[in-house]
């Protein structure tokens, strides 16, 4: 199962999404051996990125990036509008040191160094215009009480409420073969639900939330989205007018390329690259997302810094690539 299902409730101010990701998630994990707690956080972010990408309705790439001085030093999940995605995570400690029940707050050092950012990079963004970035709170401020955010679902719900001004509930689940998620959003009266009086709207939102709270991890990880939708809202489908749209496929896709690695070498500078060549004889690197290896020998590196650099399409393969 690799699909996203969007549904609406005509009799309640609610829009929802259900996501189930199998082979695309397995492709992300194929070259990884993360401890269970890290794998869960990464899986939850993969499901969340898919749900957010569909709910924000823009043409481009959504990027979730976390950095910290905690056990997870870097985590990146990218999801494009066509629901192609990739993800990676880097650790600053030995994987065996991370407890199996470690929380998001513990792994991202939420009280001090943790930083979580969601970037929206439009496909038609003009050069020189920065993409939109939103900071995701890793601390939940409730009056004078400040508590660390303990889960990905809580962090994303707070982000949607603060940035989009939409009440949002999210449930996420993941294991070594599957990730799943359910998103419920309360739509504003200006969103086509002006026919609902405030009391009816409030009651509908509360009822749909209550039904959403009955979802289990097992259901999210084993059932197709259409089956989940029927199970959750079978008794209410006629009353609230629950209807779904055609499901959309999700797939793993990495956008690494030789030309992008060449760009990185240019950023390093010719002097630094020459230093690497003198020490190792060639420059070797691997994509953090898919593991594809790239090699640049001295001839390749001279081409990188020349004005007549050959493109990926026209460059003949050299020995060792």
Protein backbone atom coordinates (compact mmCIF):
# COMPACT_ATOMS: atom_id res chain seq x y z
CA UNK A 1 0.00 0.00 0.00
CA UNK A 2 1.37 3.36 -1.08
CA UNK A 3 -1.54 5.75 -1.27
CA UNK A 4 -3.12 8.90 0.08
CA UNK A 5 -6.88 9.24 0.43
CA UNK A 6 -8.60 12.61 0.94
CA UNK A 7 -12.15 12.85 2.26
CA UNK A 8 -14.67 15.53 3.19
CA UNK A 9 -17.67 15.71 5.48
CA UNK A 10 -20.52 17.68 3.90
CA UNK A 11 -22.43 17.76 7.17
CA UNK A 12 -19.49 18.85 9.33
CA UNK A 13 -16.68 21.38 8.82
CA UNK A 14 -14.08 18.64 8.42
CA UNK A 15 -11.51 17.68 5.82
CA UNK A 16 -9.44 14.54 6.32
CA UNK A 17 -6.60 12.50 4.89
CA UNK A 18 -5.46 8.92 5.38
CA UNK A 19 -2.03 7.79 4.24
CA UNK A 20 -0.49 4.33 3.97
CA UNK A 21 3.10 3.92 2.78
CA UNK A 22 4.73 0.52 2.30
CA UNK A 23 7.29 -0.06 -0.46
CA UNK A 24 8.27 3.62 -0.57
CA UNK A 25 9.05 3.44 3.16
CA UNK A 26 10.97 0.21 2.69
CA UNK A 27 13.03 1.90 -0.05
CA UNK A 28 13.98 4.63 2.43
CA UNK A 29 15.06 2.02 4.98
CA UNK A 30 16.79 -0.25 2.47
CA UNK A 31 20.30 1.03 3.21
CA UNK A 32 19.67 2.03 6.81
CA UNK A 33 20.01 0.24 10.12
CA UNK A 34 18.54 2.73 12.58
CA UNK A 35 17.50 1.79 16.12
CA UNK A 36 13.73 1.35 16.66
CA UNK A 37 13.16 4.74 18.32
CA UNK A 38 14.91 6.60 15.49
CA UNK A 39 13.11 4.54 12.84
CA UNK A 40 9.78 5.42 14.45
CA UNK A 41 10.52 9.15 14.48
CA UNK A 42 11.68 9.04 10.85
CA UNK A 43 8.61 7.01 9.85
CA UNK A 44 6.26 9.39 11.64
CA UNK A 45 7.87 12.35 9.86
CA UNK A 46 7.53 10.55 6.50
CA UNK A 47 3.79 10.06 7.08
CA UNK A 48 3.41 13.63 8.38
CA UNK A 49 5.21 15.13 5.38
CA UNK A 50 2.86 13.32 3.01
CA UNK A 51 -0.22 14.49 4.91
CA UNK A 52 1.05 18.08 5.05
CA UNK A 53 2.03 18.17 1.39
CA UNK A 54 -1.50 17.22 0.39
CA UNK A 55 -3.22 19.51 2.90
CA UNK A 56 -1.22 22.64 2.04
CA UNK A 57 -2.12 22.36 -1.65
CA UNK A 58 0.84 23.93 -3.39
CA UNK A 59 3.03 22.93 -6.34
CA UNK A 60 6.53 22.31 -5.13
CA UNK A 61 8.50 20.51 -2.44
CA UNK A 62 7.74 20.31 1.26
CA UNK A 63 10.83 19.77 3.39
CA UNK A 64 10.85 18.86 7.07
CA UNK A 65 14.28 19.35 8.62
CA UNK A 66 15.35 18.77 12.21
CA UNK A 67 18.74 19.63 13.69
CA UNK A 68 19.96 19.25 17.24
CA UNK A 69 22.84 18.45 19.57
CA UNK A 70 20.85 15.44 20.73
CA UNK A 71 21.14 11.85 19.43
CA UNK A 72 19.51 12.89 16.13
CA UNK A 73 21.85 15.51 14.70
CA UNK A 74 20.01 15.84 11.38
CA UNK A 75 16.75 14.55 9.92
CA UNK A 76 15.39 15.50 6.51
CA UNK A 77 12.18 14.43 4.78
CA UNK A 78 11.21 15.77 1.36
CA UNK A 79 7.83 15.30 -0.31
CA UNK A 80 6.92 16.78 -3.68
CA UNK A 81 3.45 17.70 -4.88
CA UNK A 82 3.29 14.47 -6.89
CA UNK A 83 3.89 12.58 -3.60
CA UNK A 84 7.36 11.42 -4.56
CA UNK A 85 9.54 11.42 -1.48
CA UNK A 86 12.88 10.71 0.13
CA UNK A 87 14.25 10.89 3.68
CA UNK A 88 17.42 10.51 5.71
CA UNK A 89 18.63 10.81 9.30
CA UNK A 90 22.06 11.20 10.90
CA UNK A 91 22.98 10.30 14.47
CA UNK A 92 25.58 11.85 16.75
CA UNK A 93 25.79 8.85 19.08
CA UNK A 94 26.24 5.11 18.77
CA UNK A 95 22.84 3.65 17.80
CA UNK A 96 23.04 1.20 20.70
CA UNK A 97 22.97 4.13 23.14
CA UNK A 98 19.45 5.18 22.12
CA UNK A 99 16.71 3.59 24.30
CA UNK A 100 13.91 1.85 22.42
CA UNK A 101 11.36 4.09 24.18
CA UNK A 102 13.19 7.39 23.57
CA UNK A 103 10.79 10.25 22.83
CA UNK A 104 11.03 12.92 20.16
CA UNK A 105 12.00 15.46 22.82
CA UNK A 106 14.84 13.28 24.06
CA UNK A 107 16.26 12.60 20.61
CA UNK A 108 16.06 16.22 19.43
CA UNK A 109 17.11 17.78 22.74
CA UNK A 110 13.91 19.82 22.62
CA UNK A 111 14.64 21.79 25.80
CA UNK A 112 17.83 23.33 24.46
CA UNK A 113 19.29 22.78 21.01
CA UNK A 114 16.52 21.20 18.95
CA UNK A 115 15.29 23.04 15.87
CA UNK A 116 12.53 21.84 13.56
CA UNK A 117 11.72 23.70 10.35
CA UNK A 118 9.17 23.14 7.59
CA UNK A 119 10.12 24.63 4.23
CA UNK A 120 7.77 25.13 1.30
CA UNK A 121 9.74 25.48 -1.92
CA UNK A 122 7.41 26.34 -4.85
CA UNK A 123 8.23 24.79 -8.20
CA UNK A 124 7.96 28.22 -9.85
CA UNK A 125 10.07 30.07 -7.26
CA UNK A 126 12.11 32.79 -8.92
CA UNK A 127 15.87 32.89 -8.41
CA UNK A 128 16.71 35.13 -5.48
CA UNK A 129 13.37 34.61 -3.77
CA UNK A 130 13.76 32.53 -0.61
CA UNK A 131 11.34 29.66 0.03
CA UNK A 132 8.84 29.97 2.86
CA UNK A 133 10.06 28.58 6.17
CA UNK A 134 8.06 27.95 9.32
CA UNK A 135 9.50 27.07 12.71
CA UNK A 136 7.86 24.08 14.40
CA UNK A 137 7.68 24.43 18.17
CA UNK A 138 9.36 21.69 20.15
CA UNK A 139 7.89 23.08 23.35
CA UNK A 140 4.18 23.35 24.14
CA UNK A 141 3.34 26.57 25.98
CA UNK A 142 0.16 26.22 28.04
CA UNK A 143 -0.06 29.37 30.07
CA UNK A 144 2.86 29.46 32.49
CA UNK A 145 3.52 25.76 31.95
CA UNK A 146 6.05 24.77 29.28
CA UNK A 147 6.34 21.13 28.31
CA UNK A 148 8.52 19.48 25.66
CA UNK A 149 6.70 18.15 22.61
CA UNK A 150 6.91 14.37 22.95
CA UNK A 151 5.73 13.17 19.53
CA UNK A 152 5.81 14.05 15.85
CA UNK A 153 2.00 14.14 15.76
CA UNK A 154 1.91 16.73 18.55
CA UNK A 155 4.57 18.87 16.86
CA UNK A 156 2.80 18.89 13.48
CA UNK A 157 -0.61 19.57 15.06
CA UNK A 158 0.83 22.62 16.85
CA UNK A 159 2.45 23.79 13.62
CA UNK A 160 -0.80 23.61 11.66
CA UNK A 161 -2.72 25.38 14.40
CA UNK A 162 -0.16 28.18 14.66
CA UNK A 163 0.75 28.65 10.99
CA UNK A 164 -2.46 27.78 9.16
CA UNK A 165 -4.84 28.82 11.94
CA UNK A 166 -6.64 25.50 11.53
CA UNK A 167 -7.54 23.12 14.32
CA UNK A 168 -5.78 19.91 13.32
CA UNK A 169 -5.57 16.42 14.78
CA UNK A 170 -3.01 13.89 13.58
CA UNK A 171 -2.45 10.21 14.37
CA UNK A 172 0.74 8.53 13.14
CA UNK A 173 2.11 4.99 13.25
CA UNK A 174 5.18 3.27 11.85
CA UNK A 175 7.12 0.02 11.95
CA UNK A 176 9.89 -1.56 9.87
CA UNK A 177 7.66 -2.19 6.83
CA UNK A 178 4.82 0.34 6.89
CA UNK A 179 3.90 3.85 7.99
CA UNK A 180 0.42 5.28 8.25
CA UNK A 181 -1.38 8.39 9.32
CA UNK A 182 -4.74 10.09 9.76
CA UNK A 183 -5.25 13.85 9.60
CA UNK A 184 -8.42 15.73 10.51
CA UNK A 185 -8.82 19.47 10.00
CA UNK A 186 -11.60 21.77 11.02
CA UNK A 187 -12.43 24.01 8.09
CA UNK A 188 -13.30 27.68 8.64
CA UNK A 189 -16.83 28.88 7.95
CA UNK A 190 -15.45 30.71 4.92
CA UNK A 191 -14.37 27.38 3.46
CA UNK A 192 -17.75 26.38 2.10
CA UNK A 193 -19.48 25.46 5.35
CA UNK A 194 -21.40 28.67 5.96
CA UNK A 195 -24.63 26.64 5.84
CA UNK A 196 -23.73 25.14 9.23
CA UNK A 197 -24.75 27.05 12.31
CA UNK A 198 -22.01 27.34 14.98
CA UNK A 199 -23.52 24.72 17.28
CA UNK A 200 -23.91 22.17 14.48
CA UNK A 201 -20.37 22.86 13.30
CA UNK A 202 -18.96 22.44 16.81
CA UNK A 203 -20.87 19.22 17.39
CA UNK A 204 -19.81 17.80 14.02
CA UNK A 205 -16.13 18.58 14.61
CA UNK A 206 -16.23 17.05 18.09
CA UNK A 207 -17.98 13.91 16.83
CA UNK A 208 -15.54 13.36 13.95
CA UNK A 209 -12.62 13.88 16.35
CA UNK A 210 -14.09 11.33 18.74
CA UNK A 211 -14.33 8.79 15.95
CA UNK A 212 -10.77 9.59 14.87
CA UNK A 213 -9.53 8.88 18.38
CA UNK A 214 -10.66 5.27 18.00
CA UNK A 215 -8.03 4.61 15.31
CA UNK A 216 -5.34 2.12 16.32
CA UNK A 217 -1.74 1.74 15.19
CA UNK A 218 -2.59 -1.72 13.89
CA UNK A 219 -5.33 -0.32 11.66
CA UNK A 220 -3.08 2.43 10.30
CA UNK A 221 -0.35 -0.11 9.53
CA UNK A 222 -2.39 -2.98 8.08
CA UNK A 223 -5.55 -1.63 6.43
CA UNK A 224 -6.02 0.23 3.12
CA UNK A 225 -7.17 3.85 3.52
CA UNK A 226 -10.64 3.13 2.09
CA UNK A 227 -11.17 0.37 4.65
CA UNK A 228 -10.06 2.67 7.47
CA UNK A 229 -12.46 5.34 6.26
CA UNK A 230 -15.38 2.91 6.19
CA UNK A 231 -14.57 1.54 9.63
CA UNK A 232 -14.21 4.95 11.25
CA UNK A 233 -17.27 6.63 9.80
CA UNK A 234 -19.60 3.80 8.75
CA UNK A 235 -22.32 4.79 11.21
CA UNK A 236 -21.95 8.50 10.47
CA UNK A 237 -21.39 8.44 6.70
CA UNK A 238 -24.99 9.30 5.84
CA UNK A 239 -25.47 11.79 8.69
CA UNK A 240 -22.29 13.76 8.00
CA UNK A 241 -22.06 13.10 4.27
CA UNK A 242 -18.59 11.54 4.34
CA UNK A 243 -17.23 11.26 0.80
CA UNK A 244 -13.79 10.44 -0.54
CA UNK A 245 -11.80 11.43 -3.60
CA UNK A 246 -9.71 9.15 -5.84
CA UNK A 247 -6.63 7.94 -4.00
CA UNK A 248 -3.19 9.17 -5.06
CA UNK A 249 -0.08 6.97 -5.35
CA UNK A 250 3.07 7.60 -3.29
CA UNK A 251 6.55 6.58 -4.40
CA UNK A 252 10.19 6.91 -3.41
CA UNK A 253 12.29 9.07 -5.73
CA UNK A 254 15.76 10.49 -5.21
CA UNK A 255 16.85 13.57 -7.13
CA UNK A 256 20.58 13.18 -6.64
CA UNK A 257 22.74 13.48 -9.77
CA UNK A 258 26.34 13.78 -10.84
CA UNK A 259 25.84 17.43 -11.75
CA UNK A 260 24.54 18.22 -8.25
CA UNK A 261 27.60 16.57 -6.71
CA UNK A 262 29.73 18.69 -9.05
CA UNK A 263 27.97 21.78 -7.71
CA UNK A 264 28.92 20.71 -4.18
CA UNK A 265 32.55 20.34 -5.24
CA UNK A 266 32.49 23.87 -6.65
CA UNK A 267 31.16 25.11 -3.32
CA UNK A 268 34.04 23.35 -1.54
CA UNK A 269 36.46 25.18 -3.80
CA UNK A 270 39.25 24.04 -6.06
CA UNK A 271 41.89 24.22 -3.32
CA UNK A 272 39.93 21.93 -0.98
CA UNK A 273 39.21 19.45 -3.78
CA UNK A 274 42.90 19.40 -4.76
CA UNK A 275 43.73 18.62 -1.13
CA UNK A 276 41.37 15.64 -1.18
CA UNK A 277 42.83 14.41 -4.48
CA UNK A 278 46.40 14.62 -3.19
CA UNK A 279 45.42 12.61 -0.12
CA UNK A 280 43.09 10.01 -1.66
CA UNK A 281 43.62 10.12 -5.41
CA UNK A 282 39.92 10.72 -6.07
CA UNK A 283 36.83 12.27 -4.52
CA UNK A 284 34.23 9.77 -3.37
CA UNK A 285 30.81 10.50 -1.94
CA UNK A 286 27.46 8.80 -1.56
CA UNK A 287 23.94 10.23 -1.53
CA UNK A 288 22.55 10.40 2.00
CA UNK A 289 19.06 9.61 0.69
CA UNK A 290 19.53 6.68 -1.69
CA UNK A 291 23.12 5.59 -1.13
CA UNK A 292 24.19 6.02 -4.77
CA UNK A 293 27.96 6.43 -4.97
CA UNK A 294 29.78 9.05 -7.04
CA UNK A 295 33.49 9.18 -7.87
CA UNK A 296 35.51 12.04 -9.34
CA UNK A 297 39.10 11.39 -10.46
CA UNK A 298 41.58 14.23 -11.19
CA UNK A 299 40.34 14.56 -14.77
CA UNK A 300 36.75 14.78 -13.58
CA UNK A 301 37.65 17.44 -11.03
CA UNK A 302 39.45 19.56 -13.63
CA UNK A 303 36.28 19.43 -15.73
CA UNK A 304 34.21 20.49 -12.71
CA UNK A 305 36.21 23.69 -12.38
CA UNK A 306 36.49 24.38 -16.10
CA UNK A 307 34.08 26.60 -17.98
CA UNK A 308 33.24 23.84 -20.47
CA UNK A 309 32.00 21.28 -17.92
CA UNK A 310 30.21 18.46 -19.69
CA UNK A 311 26.63 17.83 -18.69
CA UNK A 312 25.35 14.56 -17.27
CA UNK A 313 23.77 13.73 -20.61
CA UNK A 314 26.85 14.30 -22.78
CA UNK A 315 29.66 13.32 -20.42
CA UNK A 316 31.23 9.97 -21.37
CA UNK A 317 31.73 7.59 -18.43
CA UNK A 318 35.28 7.39 -17.12
CA UNK A 319 36.90 4.37 -15.55
CA UNK A 320 35.86 3.60 -11.96
CA UNK A 321 32.35 5.17 -12.13
